Amino acid sequence: MNKELPKMYHNSVNKPVNSIQKVYSSINENKEINKDIKYPNISIDKKIKNIFNSSDYVYKADVTIVTDNDILHKRIIARNNNNLITIDNEFIPISIIRDIYK
């Protein structure tokens, strides 16, 4: 019962495959800041705008905010010129944010 099937559609790849994607992260698995990795080229203002304009944003968004000294898990509801406003009425200055994501 262990007979080999015919190799009708068998293709061999004899050249290098260049479809490998590289993924970089600014936070390692231990949720600590990795200082060796540079932050992405997308500006913080653009990332915040994308969060508030996303299709799943109604009135709040759960985000992770990376600053120079800390990683914050907050629920943001609004933004003014210089700050993000959380659901607990905290103001987080945009100037201290190094990375933000959902």
N, C-alpha and C. Protein backbone atom coordinates (compact mmCIF):
# COMPACT_ATOMS: atom_id res chain seq x y z
N MET A 1 0.81 -1.20 0.00
CA MET A 1 0.00 0.00 0.00
C MET A 1 0.85 1.26 0.00
N ASN A 2 2.13 1.12 0.01
CA ASN A 2 3.00 2.25 0.11
C ASN A 2 3.63 2.54 -1.25
N LYS A 3 2.80 2.62 -2.28
CA LYS A 3 3.37 2.85 -3.59
C LYS A 3 3.44 4.35 -3.87
N GLU A 4 4.39 4.74 -4.65
CA GLU A 4 4.65 6.15 -4.93
C GLU A 4 3.72 6.63 -6.04
N LEU A 5 3.21 7.83 -5.88
CA LEU A 5 2.33 8.41 -6.88
C LEU A 5 3.15 8.97 -8.04
N PRO A 6 2.57 9.06 -9.22
CA PRO A 6 3.31 9.62 -10.36
C PRO A 6 3.63 11.10 -10.13
N LYS A 7 4.73 11.54 -10.69
CA LYS A 7 5.19 12.91 -10.50
C LYS A 7 4.79 13.78 -11.68
N MET A 8 3.50 13.86 -11.94
CA MET A 8 2.99 14.62 -13.08
C MET A 8 3.25 16.12 -12.94
N TYR A 9 2.97 16.64 -11.76
CA TYR A 9 3.03 18.08 -11.55
C TYR A 9 4.22 18.47 -10.68
N HIS A 10 5.20 17.66 -10.67
CA HIS A 10 6.38 17.90 -9.85
C HIS A 10 7.29 18.91 -10.53
N ASN A 11 7.58 20.01 -9.83
CA ASN A 11 8.51 21.01 -10.32
C ASN A 11 9.66 21.13 -9.35
N SER A 12 10.84 21.23 -9.88
CA SER A 12 11.98 21.46 -9.00
C SER A 12 12.44 22.90 -9.19
N VAL A 13 12.80 23.53 -8.09
CA VAL A 13 13.24 24.92 -8.12
C VAL A 13 14.76 24.92 -8.12
N ASN A 14 15.33 25.45 -9.19
CA ASN A 14 16.78 25.43 -9.35
C ASN A 14 17.38 26.82 -9.26
N LYS A 15 16.64 27.78 -8.75
CA LYS A 15 17.15 29.15 -8.64
C LYS A 15 16.81 29.69 -7.25
N PRO A 16 17.51 30.71 -6.81
CA PRO A 16 17.21 31.28 -5.48
C PRO A 16 15.86 31.99 -5.48
N VAL A 17 15.16 31.86 -4.38
CA VAL A 17 13.85 32.47 -4.23
C VAL A 17 14.01 33.74 -3.39
N ASN A 18 13.62 34.89 -3.94
CA ASN A 18 13.80 36.17 -3.26
C ASN A 18 12.49 36.72 -2.72
N SER A 19 11.68 35.88 -2.14
CA SER A 19 10.39 36.33 -1.62
C SER A 19 10.38 36.37 -0.10
N ILE A 20 11.53 36.47 0.50
CA ILE A 20 11.61 36.50 1.96
C ILE A 20 11.35 37.92 2.42
N GLN A 21 10.44 38.08 3.39
CA GLN A 21 10.12 39.39 3.93
C GLN A 21 10.81 39.54 5.28
N LYS A 22 11.35 40.73 5.52
CA LYS A 22 11.98 41.00 6.81
C LYS A 22 11.01 41.84 7.64
N VAL A 23 10.86 41.45 8.89
CA VAL A 23 9.96 42.14 9.80
C VAL A 23 10.77 42.64 10.98
N TYR A 24 10.59 43.91 11.31
CA TYR A 24 11.29 44.49 12.44
C TYR A 24 10.29 44.95 13.49
N SER A 25 10.68 44.88 14.73
CA SER A 25 9.82 45.30 15.82
C SER A 25 10.63 46.16 16.77
N SER A 26 9.97 47.13 17.39
CA SER A 26 10.66 48.00 18.33
C SER A 26 10.55 47.48 19.75
N ILE A 27 9.83 46.40 19.95
CA ILE A 27 9.67 45.83 21.28
C ILE A 27 9.98 44.35 21.20
N ASN A 28 10.76 43.85 22.15
CA ASN A 28 11.06 42.43 22.13
C ASN A 28 9.97 41.64 22.83
N GLU A 29 10.13 40.34 22.93
CA GLU A 29 9.07 39.48 23.46
C GLU A 29 8.78 39.73 24.94
N ASN A 30 9.72 40.29 25.67
CA ASN A 30 9.52 40.54 27.10
C ASN A 30 8.85 41.88 27.36
N LYS A 31 8.34 42.52 26.34
CA LYS A 31 7.67 43.81 26.44
C LYS A 31 8.60 44.90 27.00
N GLU A 32 9.87 44.80 26.71
CA GLU A 32 10.83 45.81 27.11
C GLU A 32 11.28 46.56 25.87
N ILE A 33 11.74 47.78 26.07
CA ILE A 33 12.19 48.59 24.95
C ILE A 33 13.55 48.07 24.48
N ASN A 34 13.65 47.84 23.18
CA ASN A 34 14.90 47.42 22.59
C ASN A 34 15.54 48.66 21.98
N LYS A 35 16.61 49.17 22.56
CA LYS A 35 17.21 50.43 22.15
C LYS A 35 18.01 50.30 20.87
N ASP A 36 18.32 49.08 20.41
CA ASP A 36 19.14 48.90 19.22
C ASP A 36 18.34 49.06 17.94
N ILE A 37 17.04 48.91 17.99
CA ILE A 37 16.21 48.95 16.80
C ILE A 37 15.65 50.36 16.64
N LYS A 38 15.78 50.90 15.43
CA LYS A 38 15.27 52.24 15.14
C LYS A 38 13.76 52.19 14.98
N TYR A 39 13.11 53.30 15.28
CA TYR A 39 11.67 53.38 15.13
C TYR A 39 11.33 53.52 13.64
N PRO A 40 10.13 53.07 13.27
CA PRO A 40 9.75 53.10 11.86
C PRO A 40 9.71 54.53 11.31
N ASN A 41 9.69 54.63 9.98
CA ASN A 41 9.72 55.93 9.32
C ASN A 41 8.39 56.67 9.36
N ILE A 42 7.32 56.01 9.74
CA ILE A 42 6.02 56.67 9.80
C ILE A 42 6.00 57.58 11.02
N SER A 43 5.58 58.81 10.83
CA SER A 43 5.58 59.76 11.94
C SER A 43 4.51 59.39 12.96
N ILE A 44 4.71 59.84 14.19
CA ILE A 44 3.77 59.58 15.27
C ILE A 44 2.42 60.21 14.95
N ASP A 45 2.44 61.42 14.39
CA ASP A 45 1.18 62.09 14.02
C ASP A 45 0.39 61.26 13.01
N LYS A 46 1.08 60.68 12.06
CA LYS A 46 0.42 59.85 11.05
C LYS A 46 -0.15 58.58 11.68
N LYS A 47 0.59 57.96 12.61
CA LYS A 47 0.10 56.76 13.29
C LYS A 47 -1.15 57.07 14.12
N ILE A 48 -1.13 58.21 14.82
CA ILE A 48 -2.28 58.60 15.63
C ILE A 48 -3.48 58.88 14.72
N LYS A 49 -3.24 59.55 13.62
CA LYS A 49 -4.31 59.84 12.66
C LYS A 49 -4.89 58.53 12.11
N ASN A 50 -4.04 57.57 11.81
CA ASN A 50 -4.51 56.27 11.30
C ASN A 50 -5.36 55.52 12.33
N ILE A 51 -4.99 55.63 13.61
CA ILE A 51 -5.77 54.97 14.66
C ILE A 51 -7.15 55.60 14.76
N PHE A 52 -7.23 56.93 14.76
CA PHE A 52 -8.52 57.60 14.89
C PHE A 52 -9.37 57.49 13.61
N ASN A 53 -8.75 57.27 12.46
CA ASN A 53 -9.49 57.15 11.20
C ASN A 53 -9.75 55.70 10.79
N SER A 54 -9.36 54.75 11.62
CA SER A 54 -9.57 53.35 11.26
C SER A 54 -11.05 52.99 11.31
N SER A 55 -11.42 51.96 10.60
CA SER A 55 -12.83 51.57 10.49
C SER A 55 -13.38 50.99 11.79
N ASP A 56 -12.51 50.48 12.67
CA ASP A 56 -13.00 49.92 13.93
C ASP A 56 -12.98 50.91 15.09
N TYR A 57 -12.62 52.16 14.83
CA TYR A 57 -12.64 53.19 15.88
C TYR A 57 -14.02 53.81 15.94
N VAL A 58 -14.67 53.75 17.11
CA VAL A 58 -15.97 54.38 17.30
C VAL A 58 -15.80 55.58 18.21
N TYR A 59 -15.40 55.35 19.46
CA TYR A 59 -15.13 56.46 20.37
C TYR A 59 -13.94 56.19 21.26
N LYS A 60 -13.34 55.01 21.18
CA LYS A 60 -12.18 54.68 21.99
C LYS A 60 -11.31 53.67 21.25
N ALA A 61 -10.03 53.66 21.59
CA ALA A 61 -9.10 52.71 20.99
C ALA A 61 -8.11 52.26 22.05
N ASP A 62 -7.94 50.96 22.18
CA ASP A 62 -6.93 50.41 23.09
C ASP A 62 -5.60 50.41 22.36
N VAL A 63 -4.61 51.12 22.91
CA VAL A 63 -3.32 51.26 22.26
C VAL A 63 -2.19 50.96 23.23
N THR A 64 -1.04 50.67 22.66
CA THR A 64 0.20 50.56 23.41
C THR A 64 1.07 51.73 23.00
N ILE A 65 1.52 52.48 23.99
CA ILE A 65 2.32 53.68 23.74
C ILE A 65 3.72 53.44 24.29
N VAL A 66 4.71 53.61 23.43
CA VAL A 66 6.11 53.46 23.83
C VAL A 66 6.69 54.85 24.01
N THR A 67 7.23 55.12 25.20
CA THR A 67 7.93 56.37 25.45
C THR A 67 9.40 56.05 25.67
N ASP A 68 10.19 57.07 26.00
CA ASP A 68 11.61 56.83 26.25
C ASP A 68 11.83 55.92 27.46
N ASN A 69 10.94 56.02 28.44
CA ASN A 69 11.17 55.33 29.70
C ASN A 69 10.17 54.22 30.01
N ASP A 70 9.08 54.11 29.28
CA ASP A 70 8.01 53.23 29.71
C ASP A 70 7.19 52.74 28.53
N ILE A 71 6.41 51.70 28.78
CA ILE A 71 5.43 51.20 27.83
C ILE A 71 4.08 51.29 28.52
N LEU A 72 3.15 52.03 27.92
CA LEU A 72 1.84 52.27 28.52
C LEU A 72 0.77 51.57 27.70
N HIS A 73 -0.18 50.94 28.37
CA HIS A 73 -1.34 50.35 27.72
C HIS A 73 -2.53 51.21 28.13
N LYS A 74 -3.05 51.99 27.19
CA LYS A 74 -4.10 52.97 27.51
C LYS A 74 -5.26 52.83 26.54
N ARG A 75 -6.39 53.39 26.93
CA ARG A 75 -7.57 53.49 26.08
C ARG A 75 -7.74 54.98 25.75
N ILE A 76 -7.45 55.34 24.50
CA ILE A 76 -7.52 56.74 24.12
C ILE A 76 -8.87 57.05 23.49
N ILE A 77 -9.33 58.29 23.72
CA ILE A 77 -10.63 58.69 23.18
C ILE A 77 -10.55 59.92 22.30
N ALA A 78 -9.51 60.74 22.48
CA ALA A 78 -9.43 61.97 21.69
C ALA A 78 -7.99 62.46 21.65
N ARG A 79 -7.83 63.56 20.90
CA ARG A 79 -6.53 64.19 20.75
C ARG A 79 -6.75 65.68 20.63
N ASN A 80 -5.87 66.46 21.27
CA ASN A 80 -5.84 67.89 20.98
C ASN A 80 -4.50 68.20 20.32
N ASN A 81 -4.09 69.43 20.24
CA ASN A 81 -2.87 69.76 19.50
C ASN A 81 -1.62 69.09 20.06
N ASN A 82 -1.51 68.97 21.36
CA ASN A 82 -0.27 68.50 21.97
C ASN A 82 -0.40 67.21 22.77
N ASN A 83 -1.61 66.71 23.00
CA ASN A 83 -1.82 65.58 23.90
C ASN A 83 -2.80 64.57 23.33
N LEU A 84 -2.63 63.32 23.80
CA LEU A 84 -3.67 62.31 23.63
C LEU A 84 -4.46 62.28 24.92
N ILE A 85 -5.77 62.10 24.82
CA ILE A 85 -6.64 62.09 25.99
C ILE A 85 -7.16 60.67 26.17
N THR A 86 -6.98 60.14 27.39
CA THR A 86 -7.43 58.79 27.68
C THR A 86 -8.84 58.82 28.24
N ILE A 87 -9.44 57.63 28.36
CA ILE A 87 -10.79 57.52 28.89
C ILE A 87 -10.84 57.90 30.37
N ASP A 88 -9.68 57.83 31.06
CA ASP A 88 -9.57 58.22 32.47
C ASP A 88 -9.24 59.70 32.62
N ASN A 89 -9.35 60.47 31.54
CA ASN A 89 -9.09 61.91 31.50
C ASN A 89 -7.62 62.23 31.80
N GLU A 90 -6.72 61.35 31.40
CA GLU A 90 -5.29 61.61 31.50
C GLU A 90 -4.84 62.26 30.20
N PHE A 91 -3.83 63.12 30.30
CA PHE A 91 -3.25 63.75 29.12
C PHE A 91 -1.85 63.18 28.94
N ILE A 92 -1.59 62.61 27.76
CA ILE A 92 -0.28 62.07 27.43
C ILE A 92 0.32 62.96 26.35
N PRO A 93 1.42 63.66 26.66
CA PRO A 93 2.02 64.55 25.65
C PRO A 93 2.51 63.76 24.43
N ILE A 94 2.16 64.23 23.26
CA ILE A 94 2.58 63.57 22.02
C ILE A 94 4.08 63.66 21.85
N SER A 95 4.70 64.66 22.41
CA SER A 95 6.16 64.87 22.27
C SER A 95 6.98 63.77 22.92
N ILE A 96 6.43 63.06 23.91
CA ILE A 96 7.20 61.99 24.56
C ILE A 96 6.96 60.62 23.93
N ILE A 97 6.03 60.52 22.99
CA ILE A 97 5.68 59.24 22.37
C ILE A 97 6.72 58.91 21.30
N ARG A 98 7.28 57.70 21.38
CA ARG A 98 8.23 57.22 20.38
C ARG A 98 7.60 56.25 19.41
N ASP A 99 6.57 55.51 19.86
CA ASP A 99 5.85 54.58 19.00
C ASP A 99 4.46 54.37 19.60
N ILE A 100 3.49 54.13 18.73
CA ILE A 100 2.12 53.87 19.19
C ILE A 100 1.49 52.87 18.23
N TYR A 101 0.78 51.91 18.79
CA TYR A 101 0.10 50.91 17.95
C TYR A 101 -1.04 50.29 18.74
N LYS A 102 -1.97 49.69 17.98
CA LYS A 102 -3.12 49.02 18.60
C LYS A 102 -2.72 47.69 19.17
